[in-house]
PDB file of N, CA and C in Angstrom:
ATOM      1  N   MET A   1    -124.403 -85.328 -92.235  1.00  0.00           N
ATOM      2  CA  MET A   1    -123.448 -85.645 -91.356  1.00  0.00           C
ATOM      3  C   MET A   1    -122.655 -84.243 -91.472  1.00  0.00           C
ATOM      4  N   LEU A   2    -122.204 -83.928 -90.331  1.00  0.00           N
ATOM      5  CA  LEU A   2    -121.363 -82.727 -90.343  1.00  0.00           C
ATOM      6  C   LEU A   2    -119.872 -82.678 -91.030  1.00  0.00           C
ATOM      7  N   THR A   3    -119.337 -81.941 -91.596  1.00  0.00           N
ATOM      8  CA  THR A   3    -117.957 -82.147 -92.076  1.00  0.00           C
ATOM      9  C   THR A   3    -117.243 -81.291 -91.067  1.00  0.00           C
ATOM     10  N   LEU A   4    -115.898 -81.656 -91.715  1.00  0.00           N
ATOM     11  CA  LEU A   4    -114.677 -80.584 -90.885  1.00  0.00           C
ATOM     12  C   LEU A   4    -115.045 -79.079 -91.508  1.00  0.00           C
ATOM     13  N   ASP A   5    -115.268 -78.894 -92.567  1.00  0.00           N
ATOM     14  CA  ASP A   5    -115.157 -77.352 -93.396  1.00  0.00           C
ATOM     15  C   ASP A   5    -116.424 -76.609 -92.422  1.00  0.00           C
ATOM     16  N   PHE A   6    -117.550 -77.167 -92.038  1.00  0.00           N
ATOM     17  CA  PHE A   6    -118.414 -76.930 -91.753  1.00  0.00           C
ATOM     18  C   PHE A   6    -118.468 -76.764 -90.143  1.00  0.00           C
ATOM     19  N   ILE A   7    -117.782 -77.747 -89.848  1.00  0.00           N
ATOM     20  CA  ILE A   7    -117.531 -77.194 -87.872  1.00  0.00           C
ATOM     21  C   ILE A   7    -116.368 -75.972 -87.890  1.00  0.00           C
ATOM     22  N   ALA A   8    -115.286 -75.874 -88.850  1.00  0.00           N
ATOM     23  CA  ALA A   8    -114.622 -74.901 -89.023  1.00  0.00           C
ATOM     24  C   ALA A   8    -115.054 -73.278 -89.236  1.00  0.00           C
ATOM     25  N   SER A   9    -115.790 -73.420 -90.261  1.00  0.00           N
ATOM     26  CA  SER A   9    -116.332 -72.008 -90.776  1.00  0.00           C
ATOM     27  C   SER A   9    -117.370 -71.757 -89.292  1.00  0.00           C
ATOM     28  N   TYR A  10    -118.046 -72.528 -88.406  1.00  0.00           N
ATOM     29  CA  TYR A  10    -119.045 -72.232 -87.694  1.00  0.00           C
ATOM     30  C   TYR A  10    -118.217 -71.549 -86.513  1.00  0.00           C
ATOM     31  N   LEU A  11    -116.992 -72.283 -86.155  1.00  0.00           N
ATOM     32  CA  LEU A  11    -116.332 -71.605 -85.050  1.00  0.00           C
ATOM     33  C   LEU A  11    -115.705 -70.504 -85.590  1.00  0.00           C
ATOM     34  N   ARG A  12    -115.197 -70.288 -86.657  1.00  0.00           N
ATOM     35  CA  ARG A  12    -114.554 -69.086 -87.206  1.00  0.00           C
ATOM     36  C   ARG A  12    -115.771 -67.799 -87.321  1.00  0.00           C
ATOM     37  N   ALA A  13    -117.147 -68.406 -87.582  1.00  0.00           N
ATOM     38  CA  ALA A  13    -118.101 -67.277 -87.538  1.00  0.00           C
ATOM     39  C   ALA A  13    -118.193 -66.935 -86.023  1.00  0.00           C
ATOM     40  N   ARG A  14    -118.272 -67.856 -85.108  1.00  0.00           N
ATOM     41  CA  ARG A  14    -118.781 -67.581 -83.767  1.00  0.00           C
ATOM     42  C   ARG A  14    -117.796 -67.035 -82.910  1.00  0.00           C
ATOM     43  N   PHE A  15    -116.842 -67.361 -83.227  1.00  0.00           N
ATOM     44  CA  PHE A  15    -115.851 -66.675 -82.116  1.00  0.00           C
ATOM     45  C   PHE A  15    -114.564 -65.418 -82.882  1.00  0.00           C
ATOM     46  N   ALA A  16    -114.924 -65.221 -84.062  1.00  0.00           N
ATOM     47  CA  ALA A  16    -113.860 -64.226 -84.827  1.00  0.00           C
ATOM     48  C   ALA A  16    -114.373 -62.787 -84.632  1.00  0.00           C
ATOM     49  N   GLU A  17    -115.633 -62.770 -84.481  1.00  0.00           N
ATOM     50  CA  GLU A  17    -116.431 -61.271 -84.031  1.00  0.00           C
ATOM     51  C   GLU A  17    -115.888 -60.717 -82.784  1.00  0.00           C
ATOM     52  N   ASP A  18    -115.836 -61.528 -81.650  1.00  0.00           N
ATOM     53  CA  ASP A  18    -116.048 -61.271 -80.449  1.00  0.00           C
ATOM     54  C   ASP A  18    -114.533 -61.116 -80.398  1.00  0.00           C
ATOM     55  N   GLU A  19    -113.872 -60.009 -79.923  1.00  0.00           N
ATOM     56  CA  GLU A  19    -112.981 -59.606 -79.350  1.00  0.00           C
ATOM     57  C   GLU A  19    -112.933 -58.905 -78.126  1.00  0.00           C
ATOM     58  N   ARG A  20    -113.785 -58.802 -77.230  1.00  0.00           N
ATOM     59  CA  ARG A  20    -113.980 -58.245 -75.831  1.00  0.00           C
ATOM     60  C   ARG A  20    -112.814 -59.067 -75.142  1.00  0.00           C
ATOM     61  N   GLY A  21    -112.637 -60.277 -75.044  1.00  0.00           N
ATOM     62  CA  GLY A  21    -111.912 -60.823 -74.380  1.00  0.00           C
ATOM     63  C   GLY A  21    -110.165 -60.402 -74.913  1.00  0.00           C
ATOM     64  N   ALA A  22    -110.045 -60.162 -75.845  1.00  0.00           N
ATOM     65  CA  ALA A  22    -108.558 -59.674 -76.128  1.00  0.00           C
ATOM     66  C   ALA A  22    -108.311 -58.480 -75.701  1.00  0.00           C
ATOM     67  N   SER A  23    -109.338 -57.486 -75.696  1.00  0.00           N
ATOM     68  CA  SER A  23    -109.522 -56.180 -75.338  1.00  0.00           C
ATOM     69  C   SER A  23    -108.808 -56.005 -73.508  1.00  0.00           C
ATOM     70  N   LEU A  24    -110.062 -56.835 -73.098  1.00  0.00           N
ATOM     71  CA  LEU A  24    -109.499 -57.056 -71.334  1.00  0.00           C
ATOM     72  C   LEU A  24    -108.326 -57.578 -71.014  1.00  0.00           C
ATOM     73  N   VAL A  25    -107.391 -58.645 -71.736  1.00  0.00           N
ATOM     74  CA  VAL A  25    -106.197 -58.810 -71.533  1.00  0.00           C
ATOM     75  C   VAL A  25    -105.632 -57.743 -71.950  1.00  0.00           C
ATOM     76  N   GLU A  26    -105.340 -57.119 -73.019  1.00  0.00           N
ATOM     77  CA  GLU A  26    -104.761 -55.946 -72.871  1.00  0.00           C
ATOM     78  C   GLU A  26    -104.829 -54.943 -71.975  1.00  0.00           C
ATOM     79  N   TYR A  27    -105.825 -54.611 -71.515  1.00  0.00           N
ATOM     80  CA  TYR A  27    -105.967 -53.571 -70.425  1.00  0.00           C
ATOM     81  C   TYR A  27    -105.388 -53.999 -69.144  1.00  0.00           C
ATOM     82  N   ALA A  28    -105.387 -55.534 -68.922  1.00  0.00           N
ATOM     83  CA  ALA A  28    -104.953 -55.883 -67.533  1.00  0.00           C
ATOM     84  C   ALA A  28    -103.525 -55.905 -67.806  1.00  0.00           C
ATOM     85  N   LEU A  29    -102.799 -56.147 -68.773  1.00  0.00           N
ATOM     86  CA  LEU A  29    -101.759 -56.079 -69.127  1.00  0.00           C
ATOM     87  C   LEU A  29    -101.020 -54.474 -68.494  1.00  0.00           C
ATOM     88  N   LEU A  30    -101.716 -53.962 -69.277  1.00  0.00           N
ATOM     89  CA  LEU A  30    -101.304 -52.507 -69.318  1.00  0.00           C
ATOM     90  C   LEU A  30    -101.219 -51.935 -67.889  1.00  0.00           C
ATOM     91  N   VAL A  31    -102.479 -52.356 -67.138  1.00  0.00           N
ATOM     92  CA  VAL A  31    -102.477 -51.602 -65.944  1.00  0.00           C
ATOM     93  C   VAL A  31    -101.633 -52.560 -65.019  1.00  0.00           C
ATOM     94  N   ALA A  32    -101.096 -53.856 -65.099  1.00  0.00           N
ATOM     95  CA  ALA A  32    -100.096 -54.428 -64.707  1.00  0.00           C
ATOM     96  C   ALA A  32     -98.484 -53.963 -65.126  1.00  0.00           C
ATOM     97  N   LEU A  33     -98.383 -53.464 -66.083  1.00  0.00           N
ATOM     98  CA  LEU A  33     -97.056 -52.618 -66.341  1.00  0.00           C
ATOM     99  C   LEU A  33     -96.798 -51.456 -65.949  1.00  0.00           C
ATOM    100  N   ILE A  34     -98.183 -50.847 -65.707  1.00  0.00           N
ATOM    101  CA  ILE A  34     -98.117 -49.447 -65.054  1.00  0.00           C
ATOM    102  C   ILE A  34     -97.779 -49.602 -63.445  1.00  0.00           C
ATOM    103  N   ALA A  35     -98.560 -50.560 -63.134  1.00  0.00           N
ATOM    104  CA  ALA A  35     -98.167 -51.024 -61.449  1.00  0.00           C
ATOM    105  C   ALA A  35     -96.934 -51.278 -61.468  1.00  0.00           C
ATOM    106  N   VAL A  36     -95.996 -52.100 -61.941  1.00  0.00           N
ATOM    107  CA  VAL A  36     -94.495 -52.425 -62.036  1.00  0.00           C
ATOM    108  C   VAL A  36     -93.926 -51.318 -61.671  1.00  0.00           C
ATOM    109  N   VAL A  37     -94.006 -50.540 -62.851  1.00  0.00           N
ATOM    110  CA  VAL A  37     -93.427 -49.163 -62.859  1.00  0.00           C
ATOM    111  C   VAL A  37     -93.135 -48.330 -61.818  1.00  0.00           C
ATOM    112  N   CYS A  38     -94.504 -47.967 -61.255  1.00  0.00           N
ATOM    113  CA  CYS A  38     -95.242 -47.168 -60.215  1.00  0.00           C
ATOM    114  C   CYS A  38     -94.312 -47.933 -58.856  1.00  0.00           C
ATOM    115  N   ILE A  39     -94.216 -49.162 -58.823  1.00  0.00           N
ATOM    116  CA  ILE A  39     -93.365 -49.954 -57.678  1.00  0.00           C
ATOM    117  C   ILE A  39     -91.859 -49.653 -58.001  1.00  0.00           C
ATOM    118  N   VAL A  40     -91.477 -49.934 -59.013  1.00  0.00           N
ATOM    119  CA  VAL A  40     -89.870 -49.488 -59.194  1.00  0.00           C
ATOM    120  C   VAL A  40     -89.433 -48.030 -58.691  1.00  0.00           C
ATOM    121  N   ALA A  41     -90.482 -47.424 -59.572  1.00  0.00           N
ATOM    122  CA  ALA A  41     -90.139 -45.421 -59.168  1.00  0.00           C
ATOM    123  C   ALA A  41     -90.082 -45.475 -57.695  1.00  0.00           C
ATOM    124  N   VAL A  42     -91.198 -46.078 -56.851  1.00  0.00           N
ATOM    125  CA  VAL A  42     -91.192 -45.713 -55.429  1.00  0.00           C
ATOM    126  C   VAL A  42     -89.926 -46.387 -54.795  1.00  0.00           C
ATOM    127  N   THR A  43     -89.725 -47.621 -54.994  1.00  0.00           N
ATOM    128  CA  THR A  43     -88.455 -48.471 -54.706  1.00  0.00           C
ATOM    129  C   THR A  43     -87.100 -47.469 -54.802  1.00  0.00           C
ATOM    130  N   PHE A  44     -87.144 -47.066 -55.919  1.00  0.00           N
ATOM    131  CA  PHE A  44     -85.380 -46.470 -56.479  1.00  0.00           C
ATOM    132  C   PHE A  44     -85.569 -44.934 -55.437  1.00  0.00           C
ATOM    133  N   LEU A  45     -86.798 -44.481 -55.881  1.00  0.00           N
ATOM    134  CA  LEU A  45     -86.770 -42.972 -55.550  1.00  0.00           C
ATOM    135  C   LEU A  45     -86.968 -42.670 -53.955  1.00  0.00           C
ATOM    136  N   GLY A  46     -87.991 -43.658 -53.514  1.00  0.00           N
ATOM    137  CA  GLY A  46     -88.311 -43.518 -52.172  1.00  0.00           C
ATOM    138  C   GLY A  46     -86.816 -43.444 -51.057  1.00  0.00           C
ATOM    139  N   SER A  47     -86.053 -44.340 -51.214  1.00  0.00           N
ATOM    140  CA  SER A  47     -84.732 -44.271 -50.280  1.00  0.00           C
ATOM    141  C   SER A  47     -84.230 -42.929 -50.643  1.00  0.00           C
ATOM    142  N   SER A  48     -84.015 -42.510 -51.735  1.00  0.00           N
ATOM    143  CA  SER A  48     -83.418 -41.098 -52.201  1.00  0.00           C
ATOM    144  C   SER A  48     -83.926 -39.928 -51.365  1.00  0.00           C
ATOM    145  N   ALA A  49     -85.499 -39.878 -51.695  1.00  0.00           N
ATOM    146  CA  ALA A  49     -86.221 -38.661 -50.777  1.00  0.00           C
ATOM    147  C   ALA A  49     -85.862 -38.946 -49.244  1.00  0.00           C
ATOM    148  N   SER A  50     -86.385 -40.144 -48.898  1.00  0.00           N
ATOM    149  CA  SER A  50     -85.982 -40.498 -47.411  1.00  0.00           C
ATOM    150  C   SER A  50     -84.803 -40.059 -46.947  1.00  0.00           C
ATOM    151  N   SER A  51     -83.722 -40.043 -47.755  1.00  0.00           N
ATOM    152  CA  SER A  51     -82.631 -39.599 -47.084  1.00  0.00           C
ATOM    153  C   SER A  51     -82.364 -38.066 -47.164  1.00  0.00           C
ATOM    154  N   LYS A  52     -83.020 -37.573 -48.265  1.00  0.00           N
ATOM    155  CA  LYS A  52     -82.989 -35.901 -48.454  1.00  0.00           C
ATOM    156  C   LYS A  52     -83.665 -35.248 -47.124  1.00  0.00           C
ATOM    157  N   PHE A  53     -85.133 -35.693 -47.055  1.00  0.00           N
ATOM    158  CA  PHE A  53     -85.862 -35.550 -45.908  1.00  0.00           C
ATOM    159  C   PHE A  53     -84.884 -35.534 -44.750  1.00  0.00           C
ATOM    160  N   GLY A  54     -84.450 -36.363 -44.448  1.00  0.00           N
ATOM    161  CA  GLY A  54     -83.781 -36.438 -42.869  1.00  0.00           C
ATOM    162  C   GLY A  54     -82.489 -35.532 -43.153  1.00  0.00           C
ATOM    163  N   THR A  55     -82.033 -35.240 -44.282  1.00  0.00           N
ATOM    164  CA  THR A  55     -80.927 -34.581 -44.123  1.00  0.00           C
ATOM    165  C   THR A  55     -81.587 -32.738 -43.900  1.00  0.00           C
ATOM    166  N   MET A  56     -82.527 -32.510 -44.450  1.00  0.00           N
ATOM    167  CA  MET A  56     -83.233 -31.462 -44.146  1.00  0.00           C
ATOM    168  C   MET A  56     -83.571 -30.926 -42.602  1.00  0.00           C
ATOM    169  N   GLY A  57     -84.477 -32.462 -42.326  1.00  0.00           N
ATOM    170  CA  GLY A  57     -85.001 -32.182 -41.174  1.00  0.00           C
ATOM    171  C   GLY A  57     -84.010 -32.037 -40.040  1.00  0.00           C
ATOM    172  N   SER A  58     -82.549 -32.925 -40.107  1.00  0.00           N
ATOM    173  CA  SER A  58     -81.960 -32.793 -39.258  1.00  0.00           C
ATOM    174  C   SER A  58     -81.080 -31.415 -39.074  1.00  0.00           C
ATOM    175  N   SER A  59     -81.070 -30.510 -40.509  1.00  0.00           N
ATOM    176  CA  SER A  59     -80.589 -29.210 -40.304  1.00  0.00           C
ATOM    177  C   SER A  59     -81.393 -28.207 -39.854  1.00  0.00           C
ATOM    178  N   LEU A  60     -83.079 -28.271 -40.158  1.00  0.00           N
ATOM    179  CA  LEU A  60     -83.536 -27.569 -39.414  1.00  0.00           C
ATOM    180  C   LEU A  60     -83.806 -27.696 -38.024  1.00  0.00           C
ATOM    181  N   SER A  61     -83.665 -28.629 -37.466  1.00  0.00           N
ATOM    182  CA  SER A  61     -83.603 -29.001 -35.934  1.00  0.00           C
ATOM    183  C   SER A  61     -82.183 -28.394 -35.449  1.00  0.00           C
ATOM    184  N   ALA A  62     -81.233 -28.097 -35.814  1.00  0.00           N
ATOM    185  CA  ALA A  62     -79.924 -28.260 -35.415  1.00  0.00           C
ATOM    186  C   ALA A  62     -80.055 -26.577 -34.798  1.00  0.00           C
ATOM    187  N   PRO A  63     -79.513 -26.354 -34.021  1.00  0.00           N
ATOM    188  CA  PRO A  63     -79.428 -24.731 -33.954  1.00  0.00           C
ATOM    189  C   PRO A  63     -78.314 -23.746 -34.589  1.00  0.00           C
TER     190      PRO A  63
END
């Protein structure tokens, strides 16, 4: 008859050594964080850059 200790030790031995899933989750979170930072940066800097380019373009085209 299987005991609870046997099942617990089997599960620990079976799944404790496999950390590939944890690494994959960490990399996915890192990529998601980088994407959020890039989107926020483009959002905030995009309008500022657009107005600066518009000012430069209008000053260049004015006689």
